[in-house]
Protein backbone atom coordinates (compact mmCIF):
# COMPACT_ATOMS: atom_id res chain seq x y z
CA MET A 1 81.78 167.27 104.30
CA GLU A 2 78.17 166.20 103.88
CA SER A 3 77.40 164.54 107.21
CA VAL A 4 78.85 164.61 110.72
CA LYS A 5 77.44 161.13 111.29
CA LEU A 6 79.25 159.66 108.28
CA GLU A 7 82.54 161.29 109.33
CA LEU A 8 82.10 160.61 113.06
CA ASP A 9 85.15 158.34 113.37
CA PHE A 10 87.44 160.90 111.75
CA LEU A 11 86.01 163.85 113.70
CA THR A 12 86.16 161.94 117.00
CA SER A 13 89.79 161.09 116.32
CA MET A 14 90.46 164.78 115.67
CA ILE A 15 88.92 166.01 118.92
CA ASN A 16 90.76 163.27 120.82
CA GLY A 17 94.00 164.59 119.34
CA ILE A 18 93.20 168.20 120.27
CA ALA A 19 92.32 167.18 123.83
CA ALA A 20 95.52 165.15 124.14
CA GLN A 21 97.57 168.12 122.91
CA PHE A 22 96.17 170.59 125.47
CA GLY A 23 95.52 168.24 128.39
CA ASP A 24 92.64 167.70 130.78
CA LYS A 25 91.91 171.43 131.18
CA CYS A 26 90.75 171.63 127.56
CA GLU A 27 87.23 170.49 126.73
CA VAL A 28 86.70 169.61 123.05
CA VAL A 29 83.16 169.11 121.79
CA LEU A 30 81.69 167.85 118.52
CA HIS A 31 78.14 168.93 117.72
CA ASP A 32 75.90 167.42 115.04
CA LEU A 33 73.66 170.39 114.29
CA THR A 34 71.34 168.37 112.05
CA GLN A 35 69.99 166.75 115.23
CA ASN A 36 67.37 168.23 117.56
CA TYR A 37 69.05 171.04 119.46
CA ASP A 38 68.36 169.35 122.79
CA SER A 39 70.92 166.64 121.93
CA THR A 40 73.58 167.96 119.56
CA ILE A 41 76.71 166.69 121.36
CA VAL A 42 77.88 163.48 119.68
CA ALA A 43 81.44 163.40 121.03
CA ILE A 44 83.19 165.18 123.89
CA LYS A 45 86.52 165.02 125.71
CA ASN A 46 87.12 166.47 129.19
CA GLY A 47 83.44 167.18 129.70
CA HIS A 48 84.14 167.91 133.37
CA ILE A 49 85.07 171.45 132.32
CA THR A 50 81.44 172.42 131.65
CA GLY A 51 79.74 169.33 133.09
CA ARG A 52 78.34 168.25 129.72
CA ARG A 53 78.30 164.84 128.06
CA ILE A 54 77.18 163.08 124.88
CA GLY A 55 73.48 163.72 124.26
CA ASP A 56 73.45 167.18 125.84
CA CYS A 57 72.50 170.36 124.00
CA GLY A 58 74.49 173.12 122.32
CA SER A 59 75.01 176.67 123.56
CA ASN A 60 73.23 179.92 122.73
CA LEU A 61 75.87 180.80 120.12
CA GLY A 62 74.99 177.76 118.02
CA LEU A 63 71.34 178.76 117.99
CA GLU A 64 72.24 182.15 116.52
CA VAL A 65 74.19 180.46 113.72
CA LEU A 66 71.36 178.05 112.89
CA ARG A 67 68.81 180.87 112.99
CA GLY A 68 70.92 182.81 110.51
CA THR A 69 71.31 185.81 112.82
CA VAL A 70 75.08 185.29 112.65
CA LYS A 71 76.28 184.60 109.11
CA ASP A 72 79.86 183.60 109.88
CA GLY A 73 79.63 181.83 113.22
CA ASP A 74 83.30 180.93 113.61
CA ARG A 75 84.73 182.61 116.71
CA TYR A 76 88.30 182.37 117.93
CA ASN A 77 89.96 183.06 121.25
CA TYR A 78 87.00 184.52 123.14
CA LEU A 79 86.46 184.53 126.89
CA THR A 80 83.42 183.09 128.59
CA GLN A 81 82.50 181.73 132.00
CA THR A 82 80.72 178.63 133.31
CA LYS A 83 77.97 178.71 135.92
CA GLU A 84 80.55 177.51 138.45
CA GLY A 85 82.78 180.49 137.71
CA LYS A 86 85.49 178.86 135.57
CA ILE A 87 87.05 181.26 133.07
CA LEU A 88 87.36 179.69 129.62
CA ARG A 89 89.28 180.71 126.53
CA SER A 90 87.22 179.29 123.70
CA SER A 91 87.06 178.82 119.94
CA SER A 92 84.14 177.53 117.88
CA VAL A 93 84.45 176.35 114.27
CA TYR A 94 81.34 175.45 112.27
CA ILE A 95 81.20 172.68 109.67
CA LYS A 96 79.29 173.26 106.43
CA ASN A 97 78.20 170.90 103.67
CA SER A 98 78.66 171.49 99.95
CA GLN A 99 75.47 173.59 99.88
CA GLY A 100 76.88 175.93 102.51
CA GLU A 101 74.49 174.69 105.20
CA THR A 102 75.77 174.47 108.78
CA ILE A 103 75.76 170.82 109.83
CA GLY A 104 78.11 170.68 112.80
CA ALA A 105 80.64 172.40 115.02
CA VAL A 106 83.88 171.72 116.85
CA CYS A 107 84.27 173.77 120.03
CA MET A 108 87.31 174.06 122.30
CA ASN A 109 87.07 175.42 125.84
CA LEU A 110 90.34 175.82 127.71
CA ASP A 111 89.99 176.40 131.47
CA ILE A 112 92.41 179.25 132.23
CA SER A 113 91.14 179.94 135.76
CA ASP A 114 94.47 179.01 137.34
CA PHE A 115 96.32 181.21 134.86
CA ILE A 116 94.08 184.17 135.71
CA LEU A 117 95.13 183.87 139.35
CA ALA A 118 98.73 184.43 138.25
CA GLU A 119 97.94 186.79 135.38
CA ASN A 120 100.62 189.35 136.19
CA THR A 121 103.39 186.82 135.59
CA ILE A 122 101.95 184.64 132.85
CA LYS A 123 99.86 187.15 130.88
CA SER A 124 101.37 185.84 127.65
CA ILE A 125 99.74 182.47 128.34
CA THR A 126 96.29 183.79 129.16
CA MET A 127 96.37 186.16 126.15
CA ARG A 128 93.58 188.20 127.70
CA ASN A 129 94.72 191.32 125.87
CA ASN A 130 93.90 189.65 122.55
CA THR A 131 90.51 188.19 123.44
CA SER A 132 86.97 189.45 123.17
CA GLU A 133 84.24 189.06 125.75
CA VAL A 134 81.39 186.86 124.49
CA GLU A 135 78.44 185.74 126.56
CA GLU A 136 78.03 182.00 126.07
CA VAL A 137 76.10 179.73 128.40
CA PHE A 138 76.91 176.03 128.78
CA VAL A 139 74.04 173.83 129.93
CA LYS A 140 73.14 170.14 129.92
CA ASP A 141 69.41 170.63 129.33
CA VAL A 142 68.06 172.69 126.44
CA ASN A 143 65.32 173.99 128.76
CA GLU A 144 67.99 175.71 130.83
CA LEU A 145 69.20 177.39 127.64
CA LEU A 146 65.68 178.62 126.89
CA ASP A 147 65.35 179.91 130.47
CA PHE A 148 68.58 181.86 129.98
CA LEU A 149 67.33 183.41 126.73
CA LEU A 150 64.01 184.36 128.32
CA GLN A 151 65.82 186.09 131.17
CA GLU A 152 68.12 187.83 128.69
CA CYS A 153 65.21 189.14 126.62
CA GLN A 154 63.60 190.52 129.80
CA ASN A 155 66.91 192.20 130.68
CA GLU A 156 67.04 193.62 127.15
CA ILE A 157 63.66 195.31 127.62
CA GLY A 158 64.56 196.40 131.14
CA LYS A 159 61.33 195.57 132.93
CA PRO A 160 59.29 192.55 134.09
CA VAL A 161 56.91 190.94 131.61
CA THR A 162 53.91 192.08 133.65
CA HIS A 163 54.87 195.70 132.95
CA MET A 164 55.62 195.30 129.24
CA SER A 165 53.48 196.99 126.61
CA LYS A 166 52.56 195.19 123.39
CA GLU A 167 55.39 196.99 121.57
CA GLU A 168 57.86 195.89 124.23
CA LYS A 169 56.65 192.30 124.02
CA LEU A 170 57.11 192.45 120.25
CA LYS A 171 60.65 193.68 120.80
CA ALA A 172 61.27 190.83 123.27
CA ILE A 173 59.90 188.24 120.83
CA GLN A 174 62.15 189.70 118.12
CA TYR A 175 65.15 189.37 120.44
CA LEU A 176 64.31 185.71 121.11
CA ASP A 177 63.80 185.03 117.41
CA ASN A 178 67.15 186.59 116.49
CA LYS A 179 68.85 184.49 119.16
CA GLY A 180 67.35 181.32 117.65
CA ALA A 181 65.10 180.48 120.61
CA PHE A 182 62.32 179.14 118.40
CA LEU A 183 64.65 176.49 116.97
CA ILE A 184 64.34 174.77 120.34
CA LYS A 185 61.69 172.06 120.31
CA LYS A 186 58.41 173.18 121.94
CA ALA A 187 59.91 176.58 122.77
CA GLY A 188 56.58 178.20 121.85
CA ASP A 189 54.79 176.65 124.85
CA LYS A 190 57.31 178.06 127.32
CA VAL A 191 57.44 181.46 125.62
CA CYS A 192 53.64 181.72 125.68
CA LYS A 193 53.59 180.91 129.39
CA PHE A 194 56.39 183.39 130.10
CA PHE A 195 54.62 186.26 128.33
CA ASP A 196 51.11 185.08 129.31
CA ILE A 197 49.94 185.05 125.69
CA SER A 198 48.22 182.49 123.47
CA LYS A 199 49.95 180.59 120.68
CA PHE A 200 47.81 182.51 118.21
CA THR A 201 49.16 185.78 119.61
CA LEU A 202 52.73 184.46 119.58
CA TYR A 203 52.50 183.47 115.92
CA ASN A 204 51.06 186.88 115.06
CA TYR A 205 53.91 188.57 116.93
CA LEU A 206 56.46 186.42 115.08
CA ASP A 207 54.88 187.24 111.72
CA ASP A 208 54.97 190.95 112.58
CA VAL A 209 58.62 191.06 113.67
CA ARG A 210 59.85 188.88 110.81
CA THR A 211 57.95 190.93 108.23
CA THR A 212 59.31 194.16 109.71
CA GLN A 213 62.87 192.84 109.69
CA LYS A 214 62.51 191.62 106.11
CA ASP A 215 61.17 195.00 104.98
CA MET A 216 64.04 196.79 106.74
CA LEU A 217 66.64 194.57 105.06
CA GLN A 218 65.08 195.10 101.64
CA SER A 219 64.99 198.86 102.13
CA LYS A 220 68.75 198.87 102.71
CA LEU A 221 69.45 197.06 99.43
């Protein structure tokens, strides 16, 4: 497949079929990942599960795939949770073109909250014993996604930005880069404000961490 846009009718029909099969507790989302990341959703069924709609952004997992941090982004049968506390059993399948470039994704999020309440009697339905815990955040606005990643990088370092040394800030920038944060449009402005650094300093930090990572990868070859 070379373009999500050109195959939109077929892909929309497919997600409609998946949603019909599993009912209104299953959200099915089609992302066009050639678009700006703040508006990747081009089709969605049962958006009430995560509160998203057409024109909203993708999740943090998609950023990692686009950044190249995760080589094989397909994930099956993982558990995640919405901001409202719904427990979801999810699968994400990425679409590539003939050059092997990631151009889209189909994601399924089944709300199993009611099943969890009766887990002792219907454990075979929830399949929790066969799932892995993955932290995925569902947001409508890409700025919320960037806020989440900034908070996560601070948690990774284990101290507030005001107490971070240069080395710790470099580590935090590397974390953000690996998570694909800089694929978000105008992310640099928010990152600079968060770390109280200039754009010149940010670009230097990025050059440093990317060069270091490249050297480390080459040394392992």
